[in-house]
């Protein structure tokens, strides 16, 4: 609330949040609160990047996180969204989204997030490889409806990339 009102953030508040996150089991509510923080930072909240980093690093040290890959993948995704949408660091965001896929490889949504980001970054071959991995998860056809729009986006990007390669570079007139 203080950040939203552009009032000072007390160091004790950041320290308390970091301590709680690092020393108690991470709950879905904790991840939801971090998501709300990132959403607020995307609009009109203010919190120093060092404080945000400190809070997330503490959450990554929560005692139960290693036993809960889905929760860790959620946390990686939320932090990735911060890197992308607040800091505008696409390389860091992509690294975090990749880690989410590594932590929870069987969850299609993390791979879809990564594919969409790779497309935004213009990394069509990498997005195509991730799409192939996503299709491999569709063993019984349960993901067909989820995969279809992503596949269309990848194909559209492939065609656009191919079209750009076919256009001859401009020549100079003597």
Protein backbone atom coordinates (compact mmCIF):
# COMPACT_ATOMS: atom_id res chain seq x y z
CA UNK A 1 0.00 0.00 0.00
CA UNK A 2 2.84 2.39 0.79
CA UNK A 3 4.39 1.68 -2.60
CA UNK A 4 1.07 2.30 -4.32
CA UNK A 5 0.70 5.60 -2.46
CA UNK A 6 4.32 6.51 -3.28
CA UNK A 7 5.22 6.63 0.38
CA UNK A 8 8.47 5.33 1.84
CA UNK A 9 8.89 1.59 2.23
CA UNK A 10 10.36 0.71 5.59
CA UNK A 11 13.39 -1.56 5.52
CA UNK A 12 11.85 -3.52 8.41
CA UNK A 13 8.88 -4.47 6.20
CA UNK A 14 11.11 -5.82 3.45
CA UNK A 15 13.27 -7.64 6.00
CA UNK A 16 10.21 -9.15 7.67
CA UNK A 17 8.75 -10.34 4.36
CA UNK A 18 12.09 -11.82 3.28
CA UNK A 19 12.55 -13.55 6.63
CA UNK A 20 9.06 -15.07 6.56
CA UNK A 21 9.48 -16.30 3.00
CA UNK A 22 12.90 -17.83 3.65
CA UNK A 23 12.03 -19.55 6.91
CA UNK A 24 8.48 -20.83 6.56
CA UNK A 25 6.91 -23.18 4.02
CA UNK A 26 5.84 -21.31 0.90
CA UNK A 27 2.07 -21.43 0.45
CA UNK A 28 -0.12 -20.76 -2.57
CA UNK A 29 -1.17 -17.55 -0.80
CA UNK A 30 2.46 -16.45 -0.62
CA UNK A 31 2.91 -16.98 -4.35
CA UNK A 32 -0.39 -15.16 -4.93
CA UNK A 33 0.82 -12.23 -2.83
CA UNK A 34 4.04 -12.08 -4.85
CA UNK A 35 1.97 -12.13 -8.05
CA UNK A 36 -0.11 -9.24 -6.68
CA UNK A 37 3.09 -7.36 -5.88
CA UNK A 38 4.35 -7.85 -9.44
CA UNK A 39 0.98 -6.76 -10.86
CA UNK A 40 1.12 -3.63 -8.73
CA UNK A 41 4.74 -2.94 -9.77
CA UNK A 42 3.62 -3.18 -13.41
CA UNK A 43 1.27 -0.27 -12.89
CA UNK A 44 1.80 2.32 -10.21
CA UNK A 45 3.56 0.76 -7.21
CA UNK A 46 7.11 1.61 -6.32
CA UNK A 47 9.59 -0.75 -4.69
CA UNK A 48 13.34 -0.70 -5.23
CA UNK A 49 14.55 -3.48 -7.55
CA UNK A 50 17.01 -4.59 -4.86
CA UNK A 51 14.11 -5.07 -2.44
CA UNK A 52 12.10 -7.04 -5.00
CA UNK A 53 15.13 -9.23 -5.71
CA UNK A 54 15.67 -9.76 -1.97
CA UNK A 55 12.06 -10.81 -1.46
CA UNK A 56 12.09 -13.26 -4.37
CA UNK A 57 15.47 -14.71 -3.43
CA UNK A 58 14.09 -15.36 0.04
CA UNK A 59 11.06 -17.11 -1.45
CA UNK A 60 13.37 -19.34 -3.51
CA UNK A 61 14.96 -20.45 -0.22
CA UNK A 62 11.66 -21.48 1.40
CA UNK A 63 12.17 -24.78 3.22
CA UNK A 64 9.56 -26.75 1.28
CA UNK A 65 10.15 -25.44 -2.23
CA UNK A 66 12.29 -28.34 -3.47
CA UNK A 67 9.49 -30.79 -2.70
CA UNK A 68 6.89 -28.76 -4.60
CA UNK A 69 7.92 -28.37 -8.25
CA UNK A 70 4.59 -26.83 -9.27
CA UNK A 71 4.89 -24.12 -6.66
CA UNK A 72 8.52 -23.47 -7.59
CA UNK A 73 7.55 -23.23 -11.27
CA UNK A 74 4.81 -20.74 -10.33
CA UNK A 75 7.32 -18.68 -8.38
CA UNK A 76 9.78 -18.75 -11.29
CA UNK A 77 7.02 -17.60 -13.63
CA UNK A 78 5.96 -14.73 -11.38
CA UNK A 79 9.56 -13.57 -11.02
CA UNK A 80 9.98 -13.93 -14.78
CA UNK A 81 6.95 -11.71 -15.30
CA UNK A 82 8.59 -9.11 -13.06
CA UNK A 83 11.80 -9.28 -15.08
CA UNK A 84 9.86 -8.97 -18.34
CA UNK A 85 7.17 -6.45 -17.52
CA UNK A 86 8.81 -4.24 -14.91
CA UNK A 87 12.55 -4.44 -15.61
CA UNK A 88 12.11 -5.14 -19.35
CA UNK A 89 14.87 -7.75 -19.14
CA UNK A 90 13.81 -10.35 -21.70
CA UNK A 91 16.95 -12.45 -21.33
CA UNK A 92 16.40 -12.84 -17.59
CA UNK A 93 12.68 -13.45 -18.09
CA UNK A 94 13.39 -16.17 -20.64
CA UNK A 95 15.93 -17.79 -18.31
CA UNK A 96 13.33 -17.90 -15.52
CA UNK A 97 10.63 -19.27 -17.83
CA UNK A 98 13.08 -21.98 -19.00
CA UNK A 99 13.77 -22.92 -15.41
CA UNK A 100 10.03 -23.21 -14.79
CA UNK A 101 9.82 -25.67 -17.71
CA UNK A 102 12.79 -27.61 -16.30
CA UNK A 103 11.27 -27.76 -12.82
CA UNK A 104 7.82 -28.85 -14.06
CA UNK A 105 8.39 -30.37 -17.52
CA UNK A 106 5.05 -32.14 -17.60
CA UNK A 107 3.00 -28.96 -17.12
CA UNK A 108 2.04 -27.55 -20.51
CA UNK A 109 1.38 -23.99 -19.34
CA UNK A 110 5.01 -23.27 -18.44
CA UNK A 111 6.14 -24.39 -21.90
CA UNK A 112 3.37 -22.32 -23.53
CA UNK A 113 4.57 -19.26 -21.59
CA UNK A 114 8.10 -19.91 -22.83
CA UNK A 115 6.97 -20.39 -26.43
CA UNK A 116 5.02 -17.12 -26.38
CA UNK A 117 8.02 -15.27 -24.96
CA UNK A 118 10.38 -16.79 -27.53
CA UNK A 119 8.02 -15.63 -30.29
CA UNK A 120 7.98 -12.10 -28.88
CA UNK A 121 11.78 -12.20 -28.80
CA UNK A 122 11.88 -13.33 -32.43
CA UNK A 123 13.44 -16.69 -31.55
CA UNK A 124 11.27 -18.73 -33.90
CA UNK A 125 13.52 -21.83 -34.15
CA UNK A 126 13.65 -22.09 -30.34
CA UNK A 127 9.87 -21.64 -30.16
CA UNK A 128 9.48 -24.41 -32.75
CA UNK A 129 11.61 -26.77 -30.66
CA UNK A 130 9.54 -25.99 -27.57
CA UNK A 131 6.35 -26.58 -29.57
CA UNK A 132 7.64 -30.05 -30.51
CA UNK A 133 8.29 -30.77 -26.82
CA UNK A 134 4.80 -29.48 -25.99
CA UNK A 135 3.27 -31.77 -28.58
CA UNK A 136 5.11 -34.70 -27.00
CA UNK A 137 3.14 -34.03 -23.80
CA UNK A 138 -0.13 -34.54 -25.70
CA UNK A 139 -0.10 -38.32 -25.41
CA UNK A 140 -3.84 -38.82 -25.15
CA UNK A 141 -5.02 -35.73 -26.99
CA UNK A 142 -5.99 -33.85 -23.83
CA UNK A 143 -3.88 -30.83 -24.82
CA UNK A 144 -4.96 -30.58 -28.45
CA UNK A 145 -7.19 -27.54 -27.89
CA UNK A 146 -4.50 -25.81 -25.82
CA UNK A 147 -1.74 -26.51 -28.33
CA UNK A 148 -3.68 -25.42 -31.45
CA UNK A 149 -3.47 -21.62 -30.95
CA UNK A 150 0.20 -21.83 -29.94
CA UNK A 151 0.97 -23.94 -32.99
CA UNK A 152 -0.79 -21.39 -35.21
CA UNK A 153 1.29 -18.59 -33.69
CA UNK A 154 4.53 -20.50 -34.23
CA UNK A 155 3.57 -21.33 -37.81
CA UNK A 156 2.63 -17.70 -38.50
CA UNK A 157 6.02 -16.59 -37.12
CA UNK A 158 7.80 -19.23 -39.23
CA UNK A 159 6.07 -17.99 -42.38
CA UNK A 160 6.87 -14.37 -41.56
CA UNK A 161 10.50 -15.25 -40.91
CA UNK A 162 10.71 -17.17 -44.18
CA UNK A 163 9.16 -14.22 -46.03
CA UNK A 164 11.75 -11.85 -44.57
CA UNK A 165 14.58 -14.13 -45.68
CA UNK A 166 13.24 -14.23 -49.25
CA UNK A 167 13.26 -10.47 -49.63
CA UNK A 168 16.50 -9.38 -51.25
CA UNK A 169 18.54 -6.88 -49.26
CA UNK A 170 18.38 -3.34 -50.55
CA UNK A 171 21.02 -2.45 -53.11
CA UNK A 172 22.75 0.85 -53.48
CA UNK A 173 22.53 2.81 -56.67
CA UNK A 174 25.85 4.09 -58.02
